[in-house]
Amino acid sequence: MWLEERGMQQAWVDRLFDSVEFRTVEGEFLRVLNPGEWNHDQGPDFVHAQIELDGVVMSGDVELHLDSKDWYSHG
């Protein structure tokens, strides 16, 4: 599981998803403007990221998980 998540993190930082159109479960358009800096220490996976969610630009930290239940077990 760790290797799969690590691969997703690598794809995030390498911007391998730029041609993908993301939508939230609510159907909102999501675009990654800047993946941020990969944090290899404790805390979020990426810091200082920038996304656009349904036309609103947001900046902050990003935590990536393959399964939503991992968010809760991560603490």
PDB file of N, CA and C in Angstrom:
ATOM      1  N   MET A   1       0.825  -1.197   0.000  1.00  0.00           N
ATOM      2  CA  MET A   1       0.000   0.000   0.000  1.00  0.00           C
ATOM      3  C   MET A   1       0.869   1.260   0.000  1.00  0.00           C
ATOM      4  N   TRP A   2       1.957   1.244   0.786  1.00  0.00           N
ATOM      5  CA  TRP A   2       2.828   2.422   0.867  1.00  0.00           C
ATOM      6  C   TRP A   2       3.403   2.755  -0.502  1.00  0.00           C
ATOM      7  N   LEU A   3       3.818   1.714  -1.237  1.00  0.00           N
ATOM      8  CA  LEU A   3       4.402   1.952  -2.558  1.00  0.00           C
ATOM      9  C   LEU A   3       3.384   2.528  -3.530  1.00  0.00           C
ATOM     10  N   GLU A   4       2.134   2.091  -3.431  1.00  0.00           N
ATOM     11  CA  GLU A   4       1.096   2.634  -4.302  1.00  0.00           C
ATOM     12  C   GLU A   4       0.866   4.115  -4.007  1.00  0.00           C
ATOM     13  N   GLU A   5       0.815   4.462  -2.717  1.00  0.00           N
ATOM     14  CA  GLU A   5       0.626   5.869  -2.343  1.00  0.00           C
ATOM     15  C   GLU A   5       1.849   6.686  -2.745  1.00  0.00           C
ATOM     16  N   ARG A   6       3.010   6.124  -2.588  1.00  0.00           N
ATOM     17  CA  ARG A   6       4.246   6.801  -2.994  1.00  0.00           C
ATOM     18  C   ARG A   6       4.219   7.097  -4.500  1.00  0.00           C
ATOM     19  N   GLY A   7       3.726   6.163  -5.298  1.00  0.00           N
ATOM     20  CA  GLY A   7       3.606   6.378  -6.731  1.00  0.00           C
ATOM     21  C   GLY A   7       2.644   7.507  -7.052  1.00  0.00           C
ATOM     22  N   MET A   8       1.552   7.593  -6.310  1.00  0.00           N
ATOM     23  CA  MET A   8       0.592   8.672  -6.515  1.00  0.00           C
ATOM     24  C   MET A   8       1.232  10.016  -6.149  1.00  0.00           C
ATOM     25  N   GLN A   9       2.013  10.039  -5.075  1.00  0.00           N
ATOM     26  CA  GLN A   9       2.717  11.265  -4.682  1.00  0.00           C
ATOM     27  C   GLN A   9       3.713  11.672  -5.763  1.00  0.00           C
ATOM     28  N   GLN A  10       4.410  10.705  -6.334  1.00  0.00           N
ATOM     29  CA  GLN A  10       5.371  10.998  -7.393  1.00  0.00           C
ATOM     30  C   GLN A  10       4.655  11.561  -8.619  1.00  0.00           C
ATOM     31  N   ALA A  11       3.524  10.976  -8.970  1.00  0.00           N
ATOM     32  CA  ALA A  11       2.736  11.485 -10.099  1.00  0.00           C
ATOM     33  C   ALA A  11       2.257  12.906  -9.824  1.00  0.00           C
ATOM     34  N   TRP A  12       1.905  13.194  -8.570  1.00  0.00           N
ATOM     35  CA  TRP A  12       1.453  14.536  -8.179  1.00  0.00           C
ATOM     36  C   TRP A  12       2.579  15.548  -8.387  1.00  0.00           C
ATOM     37  N   VAL A  13       3.755  15.250  -7.866  1.00  0.00           N
ATOM     38  CA  VAL A  13       4.870  16.202  -7.945  1.00  0.00           C
ATOM     39  C   VAL A  13       5.393  16.333  -9.378  1.00  0.00           C
ATOM     40  N   ASP A  14       5.309  15.259 -10.169  1.00  0.00           N
ATOM     41  CA  ASP A  14       5.764  15.297 -11.564  1.00  0.00           C
ATOM     42  C   ASP A  14       4.692  15.841 -12.511  1.00  0.00           C
ATOM     43  N   ARG A  15       3.528  16.138 -11.978  1.00  0.00           N
ATOM     44  CA  ARG A  15       2.403  16.711 -12.737  1.00  0.00           C
ATOM     45  C   ARG A  15       1.988  15.802 -13.901  1.00  0.00           C
ATOM     46  N   LEU A  16       1.975  14.504 -13.641  1.00  0.00           N
ATOM     47  CA  LEU A  16       1.579  13.553 -14.671  1.00  0.00           C
ATOM     48  C   LEU A  16       0.074  13.580 -14.941  1.00  0.00           C
ATOM     49  N   PHE A  17      -0.647  14.349 -14.168  1.00  0.00           N
ATOM     50  CA  PHE A  17      -2.100  14.413 -14.245  1.00  0.00           C
ATOM     51  C   PHE A  17      -2.594  15.658 -14.978  1.00  0.00           C
ATOM     52  N   ASP A  18      -1.710  16.477 -15.513  1.00  0.00           N
ATOM     53  CA  ASP A  18      -2.111  17.766 -16.082  1.00  0.00           C
ATOM     54  C   ASP A  18      -3.187  17.652 -17.159  1.00  0.00           C
ATOM     55  N   SER A  19      -3.240  16.554 -17.876  1.00  0.00           N
ATOM     56  CA  SER A  19      -4.242  16.425 -18.934  1.00  0.00           C
ATOM     57  C   SER A  19      -5.542  15.796 -18.427  1.00  0.00           C
ATOM     58  N   VAL A  20      -5.603  15.486 -17.133  1.00  0.00           N
ATOM     59  CA  VAL A  20      -6.780  14.845 -16.544  1.00  0.00           C
ATOM     60  C   VAL A  20      -7.732  15.910 -16.026  1.00  0.00           C
ATOM     61  N   GLU A  21      -9.015  15.738 -16.297  1.00  0.00           N
ATOM     62  CA  GLU A  21     -10.018  16.646 -15.744  1.00  0.00           C
ATOM     63  C   GLU A  21     -10.550  16.036 -14.457  1.00  0.00           C
ATOM     64  N   PHE A  22     -10.257  16.679 -13.340  1.00  0.00           N
ATOM     65  CA  PHE A  22     -10.704  16.182 -12.044  1.00  0.00           C
ATOM     66  C   PHE A  22     -12.050  16.786 -11.683  1.00  0.00           C
ATOM     67  N   ARG A  23     -12.856  15.981 -11.018  1.00  0.00           N
ATOM     68  CA  ARG A  23     -14.121  16.452 -10.442  1.00  0.00           C
ATOM     69  C   ARG A  23     -14.241  15.854  -9.044  1.00  0.00           C
ATOM     70  N   THR A  24     -14.804  16.635  -8.136  1.00  0.00           N
ATOM     71  CA  THR A  24     -15.043  16.132  -6.784  1.00  0.00           C
ATOM     72  C   THR A  24     -16.247  15.200  -6.809  1.00  0.00           C
ATOM     73  N   VAL A  25     -16.512  14.526  -5.697  1.00  0.00           N
ATOM     74  CA  VAL A  25     -17.684  13.651  -5.637  1.00  0.00           C
ATOM     75  C   VAL A  25     -18.976  14.453  -5.776  1.00  0.00           C
ATOM     76  N   GLU A  26     -18.906  15.749  -5.492  1.00  0.00           N
ATOM     77  CA  GLU A  26     -20.070  16.621  -5.668  1.00  0.00           C
ATOM     78  C   GLU A  26     -20.156  17.164  -7.099  1.00  0.00           C
ATOM     79  N   GLY A  27     -19.180  16.831  -7.962  1.00  0.00           N
ATOM     80  CA  GLY A  27     -19.199  17.262  -9.346  1.00  0.00           C
ATOM     81  C   GLY A  27     -18.499  18.581  -9.614  1.00  0.00           C
ATOM     82  N   GLU A  28     -17.832  19.133  -8.617  1.00  0.00           N
ATOM     83  CA  GLU A  28     -17.118  20.403  -8.802  1.00  0.00           C
ATOM     84  C   GLU A  28     -15.831  20.179  -9.597  1.00  0.00           C
ATOM     85  N   PHE A  29     -15.510  21.124 -10.471  1.00  0.00           N
ATOM     86  CA  PHE A  29     -14.292  21.081 -11.266  1.00  0.00           C
ATOM     87  C   PHE A  29     -13.091  21.360 -10.364  1.00  0.00           C
ATOM     88  N   LEU A  30     -12.032  20.559 -10.499  1.00  0.00           N
ATOM     89  CA  LEU A  30     -10.817  20.729  -9.705  1.00  0.00           C
ATOM     90  C   LEU A  30      -9.612  20.740 -10.631  1.00  0.00           C
ATOM     91  N   ARG A  31      -8.771  21.757 -10.475  1.00  0.00           N
ATOM     92  CA  ARG A  31      -7.548  21.852 -11.283  1.00  0.00           C
ATOM     93  C   ARG A  31      -6.383  22.165 -10.353  1.00  0.00           C
ATOM     94  N   VAL A  32      -5.276  21.475 -10.547  1.00  0.00           N
ATOM     95  CA  VAL A  32      -4.073  21.713  -9.754  1.00  0.00           C
ATOM     96  C   VAL A  32      -3.246  22.775 -10.474  1.00  0.00           C
ATOM     97  N   LEU A  33      -3.057  23.906  -9.815  1.00  0.00           N
ATOM     98  CA  LEU A  33      -2.277  24.985 -10.393  1.00  0.00           C
ATOM     99  C   LEU A  33      -0.799  24.839 -10.058  1.00  0.00           C
ATOM    100  N   ASN A  34      -0.514  24.398  -8.835  1.00  0.00           N
ATOM    101  CA  ASN A  34       0.859  24.193  -8.368  1.00  0.00           C
ATOM    102  C   ASN A  34       0.823  23.050  -7.359  1.00  0.00           C
ATOM    103  N   PRO A  35       1.546  21.955  -7.584  1.00  0.00           N
ATOM    104  CA  PRO A  35       1.484  20.821  -6.656  1.00  0.00           C
ATOM    105  C   PRO A  35       2.118  21.097  -5.299  1.00  0.00           C
ATOM    106  N   GLY A  36       2.867  22.178  -5.181  1.00  0.00           N
ATOM    107  CA  GLY A  36       3.512  22.495  -3.909  1.00  0.00           C
ATOM    108  C   GLY A  36       4.847  21.794  -3.755  1.00  0.00           C
ATOM    109  N   GLU A  37       5.360  21.838  -2.552  1.00  0.00           N
ATOM    110  CA  GLU A  37       6.653  21.224  -2.237  1.00  0.00           C
ATOM    111  C   GLU A  37       6.408  19.911  -1.501  1.00  0.00           C
ATOM    112  N   TRP A  38       7.081  18.857  -1.949  1.00  0.00           N
ATOM    113  CA  TRP A  38       6.939  17.540  -1.335  1.00  0.00           C
ATOM    114  C   TRP A  38       7.547  17.584   0.063  1.00  0.00           C
ATOM    115  N   ASN A  39       6.733  17.246   1.046  1.00  0.00           N
ATOM    116  CA  ASN A  39       7.173  17.210   2.439  1.00  0.00           C
ATOM    117  C   ASN A  39       7.513  15.769   2.798  1.00  0.00           C
ATOM    118  N   HIS A  40       8.777  15.478   2.992  1.00  0.00           N
ATOM    119  CA  HIS A  40       9.201  14.112   3.304  1.00  0.00           C
ATOM    120  C   HIS A  40       9.236  13.852   4.813  1.00  0.00           C
ATOM    121  N   ASP A  41       8.871  14.842   5.605  1.00  0.00           N
ATOM    122  CA  ASP A  41       8.811  14.686   7.063  1.00  0.00           C
ATOM    123  C   ASP A  41       7.366  14.442   7.486  1.00  0.00           C
ATOM    124  N   GLN A  42       7.123  14.482   8.797  1.00  0.00           N
ATOM    125  CA  GLN A  42       5.760  14.320   9.300  1.00  0.00           C
ATOM    126  C   GLN A  42       4.907  15.495   8.854  1.00  0.00           C
ATOM    127  N   GLY A  43       3.629  15.244   8.743  1.00  0.00           N
ATOM    128  CA  GLY A  43       2.706  16.296   8.326  1.00  0.00           C
ATOM    129  C   GLY A  43       2.133  15.998   6.966  1.00  0.00           C
ATOM    130  N   PRO A  44       1.597  17.011   6.308  1.00  0.00           N
ATOM    131  CA  PRO A  44       0.960  16.792   5.006  1.00  0.00           C
ATOM    132  C   PRO A  44       1.968  16.350   3.956  1.00  0.00           C
ATOM    133  N   ASP A  45       1.487  15.696   2.908  1.00  0.00           N
ATOM    134  CA  ASP A  45       2.367  15.218   1.843  1.00  0.00           C
ATOM    135  C   ASP A  45       3.015  16.371   1.083  1.00  0.00           C
ATOM    136  N   PHE A  46       2.243  17.444   0.858  1.00  0.00           N
ATOM    137  CA  PHE A  46       2.740  18.594   0.109  1.00  0.00           C
ATOM    138  C   PHE A  46       2.338  19.879   0.825  1.00  0.00           C
ATOM    139  N   VAL A  47       3.225  20.848   0.816  1.00  0.00           N
ATOM    140  CA  VAL A  47       2.934  22.155   1.418  1.00  0.00           C
ATOM    141  C   VAL A  47       2.991  23.225   0.334  1.00  0.00           C
ATOM    142  N   HIS A  48       2.279  24.304   0.567  1.00  0.00           N
ATOM    143  CA  HIS A  48       2.264  25.467  -0.337  1.00  0.00           C
ATOM    144  C   HIS A  48       1.720  25.115  -1.727  1.00  0.00           C
ATOM    145  N   ALA A  49       0.756  24.203  -1.781  1.00  0.00           N
ATOM    146  CA  ALA A  49       0.125  23.845  -3.054  1.00  0.00           C
ATOM    147  C   ALA A  49      -0.937  24.885  -3.405  1.00  0.00           C
ATOM    148  N   GLN A  50      -1.348  24.870  -4.663  1.00  0.00           N
ATOM    149  CA  GLN A  50      -2.396  25.789  -5.105  1.00  0.00           C
ATOM    150  C   GLN A  50      -3.322  25.029  -6.048  1.00  0.00           C
ATOM    151  N   ILE A  51      -4.621  25.057  -5.732  1.00  0.00           N
ATOM    152  CA  ILE A  51      -5.623  24.413  -6.570  1.00  0.00           C
ATOM    153  C   ILE A  51      -6.723  25.414  -6.920  1.00  0.00           C
ATOM    154  N   GLU A  52      -7.468  25.059  -7.936  1.00  0.00           N
ATOM    155  CA  GLU A  52      -8.659  25.828  -8.277  1.00  0.00           C
ATOM    156  C   GLU A  52      -9.847  24.889  -8.143  1.00  0.00           C
ATOM    157  N   LEU A  53     -10.798  25.237  -7.300  1.00  0.00           N
ATOM    158  CA  LEU A  53     -11.971  24.418  -7.057  1.00  0.00           C
ATOM    159  C   LEU A  53     -13.204  25.200  -7.469  1.00  0.00           C
ATOM    160  N   ASP A  54     -13.813  24.766  -8.555  1.00  0.00           N
ATOM    161  CA  ASP A  54     -15.010  25.411  -9.098  1.00  0.00           C
ATOM    162  C   ASP A  54     -14.813  26.917  -9.281  1.00  0.00           C
ATOM    163  N   GLY A  55     -13.632  27.282  -9.816  1.00  0.00           N
ATOM    164  CA  GLY A  55     -13.342  28.674 -10.118  1.00  0.00           C
ATOM    165  C   GLY A  55     -12.731  29.468  -8.987  1.00  0.00           C
ATOM    166  N   VAL A  56     -12.589  28.874  -7.802  1.00  0.00           N
ATOM    167  CA  VAL A  56     -12.004  29.562  -6.647  1.00  0.00           C
ATOM    168  C   VAL A  56     -10.595  29.024  -6.415  1.00  0.00           C
ATOM    169  N   VAL A  57      -9.604  29.912  -6.407  1.00  0.00           N
ATOM    170  CA  VAL A  57      -8.208  29.512  -6.188  1.00  0.00           C
ATOM    171  C   VAL A  57      -7.956  29.408  -4.681  1.00  0.00           C
ATOM    172  N   MET A  58      -7.352  28.282  -4.278  1.00  0.00           N
ATOM    173  CA  MET A  58      -7.038  28.020  -2.872  1.00  0.00           C
ATOM    174  C   MET A  58      -5.580  27.616  -2.748  1.00  0.00           C
ATOM    175  N   SER A  59      -4.970  28.005  -1.641  1.00  0.00           N
ATOM    176  CA  SER A  59      -3.579  27.641  -1.359  1.00  0.00           C
ATOM    177  C   SER A  59      -3.512  26.948  -0.010  1.00  0.00           C
ATOM    178  N   GLY A  60      -2.582  25.986   0.101  1.00  0.00           N
ATOM    179  CA  GLY A  60      -2.423  25.309   1.380  1.00  0.00           C
ATOM    180  C   GLY A  60      -1.723  23.974   1.231  1.00  0.00           C
ATOM    181  N   ASP A  61      -1.947  23.127   2.226  1.00  0.00           N
ATOM    182  CA  ASP A  61      -1.310  21.822   2.287  1.00  0.00           C
ATOM    183  C   ASP A  61      -2.201  20.766   1.644  1.00  0.00           C
ATOM    184  N   VAL A  62      -1.568  19.708   1.121  1.00  0.00           N
ATOM    185  CA  VAL A  62      -2.286  18.623   0.453  1.00  0.00           C
ATOM    186  C   VAL A  62      -1.853  17.298   1.057  1.00  0.00           C
ATOM    187  N   GLU A  63      -2.818  16.464   1.376  1.00  0.00           N
ATOM    188  CA  GLU A  63      -2.587  15.102   1.859  1.00  0.00           C
ATOM    189  C   GLU A  63      -3.240  14.163   0.853  1.00  0.00           C
ATOM    190  N   LEU A  64      -2.477  13.227   0.302  1.00  0.00           N
ATOM    191  CA  LEU A  64      -2.993  12.297  -0.700  1.00  0.00           C
ATOM    192  C   LEU A  64      -3.172  10.910  -0.092  1.00  0.00           C
ATOM    193  N   HIS A  65      -4.296  10.280  -0.413  1.00  0.00           N
ATOM    194  CA  HIS A  65      -4.560   8.909   0.023  1.00  0.00           C
ATOM    195  C   HIS A  65      -5.267   8.170  -1.107  1.00  0.00           C
ATOM    196  N   LEU A  66      -5.007   6.885  -1.218  1.00  0.00           N
ATOM    197  CA  LEU A  66      -5.677   6.055  -2.211  1.00  0.00           C
ATOM    198  C   LEU A  66      -7.102   5.727  -1.791  1.00  0.00           C
ATOM    199  N   ASP A  67      -7.345   5.682  -0.499  1.00  0.00           N
ATOM    200  CA  ASP A  67      -8.662   5.322   0.038  1.00  0.00           C
ATOM    201  C   ASP A  67      -9.045   6.357   1.084  1.00  0.00           C
ATOM    202  N   SER A  68     -10.252   6.858   1.036  1.00  0.00           N
ATOM    203  CA  SER A  68     -10.663   7.915   1.959  1.00  0.00           C
ATOM    204  C   SER A  68     -10.577   7.490   3.420  1.00  0.00           C
ATOM    205  N   LYS A  69     -10.717   6.201   3.732  1.00  0.00           N
ATOM    206  CA  LYS A  69     -10.619   5.765   5.135  1.00  0.00           C
ATOM    207  C   LYS A  69      -9.209   5.985   5.685  1.00  0.00           C
ATOM    208  N   ASP A  70      -8.198   6.056   4.791  1.00  0.00           N
ATOM    209  CA  ASP A  70      -6.826   6.303   5.246  1.00  0.00           C
ATOM    210  C   ASP A  70      -6.676   7.688   5.846  1.00  0.00           C
ATOM    211  N   TRP A  71      -7.497   8.622   5.398  1.00  0.00           N
ATOM    212  CA  TRP A  71      -7.479   9.973   5.964  1.00  0.00           C
ATOM    213  C   TRP A  71      -7.734   9.930   7.457  1.00  0.00           C
ATOM    214  N   TYR A  72      -8.704   9.121   7.869  1.00  0.00           N
ATOM    215  CA  TYR A  72      -9.068   9.022   9.287  1.00  0.00           C
ATOM    216  C   TYR A  72      -8.041   8.225  10.075  1.00  0.00           C
ATOM    217  N   SER A  73      -7.501   7.163   9.502  1.00  0.00           N
ATOM    218  CA  SER A  73      -6.495   6.369  10.214  1.00  0.00           C
ATOM    219  C   SER A  73      -5.165   7.113  10.314  1.00  0.00           C
ATOM    220  N   HIS A  74      -4.938   8.042   9.404  1.00  0.00           N
ATOM    221  CA  HIS A  74      -3.703   8.831   9.401  1.00  0.00           C
ATOM    222  C   HIS A  74      -3.651   9.777  10.605  1.00  0.00           C
ATOM    223  N   GLY A  75      -4.823  10.215  11.031  1.00  0.00           N
ATOM    224  CA  GLY A  75      -4.908  11.114  12.194  1.00  0.00           C
ATOM    225  C   GLY A  75      -4.608  12.537  11.803  1.00  0.00           C
TER     226      GLY A  75
END
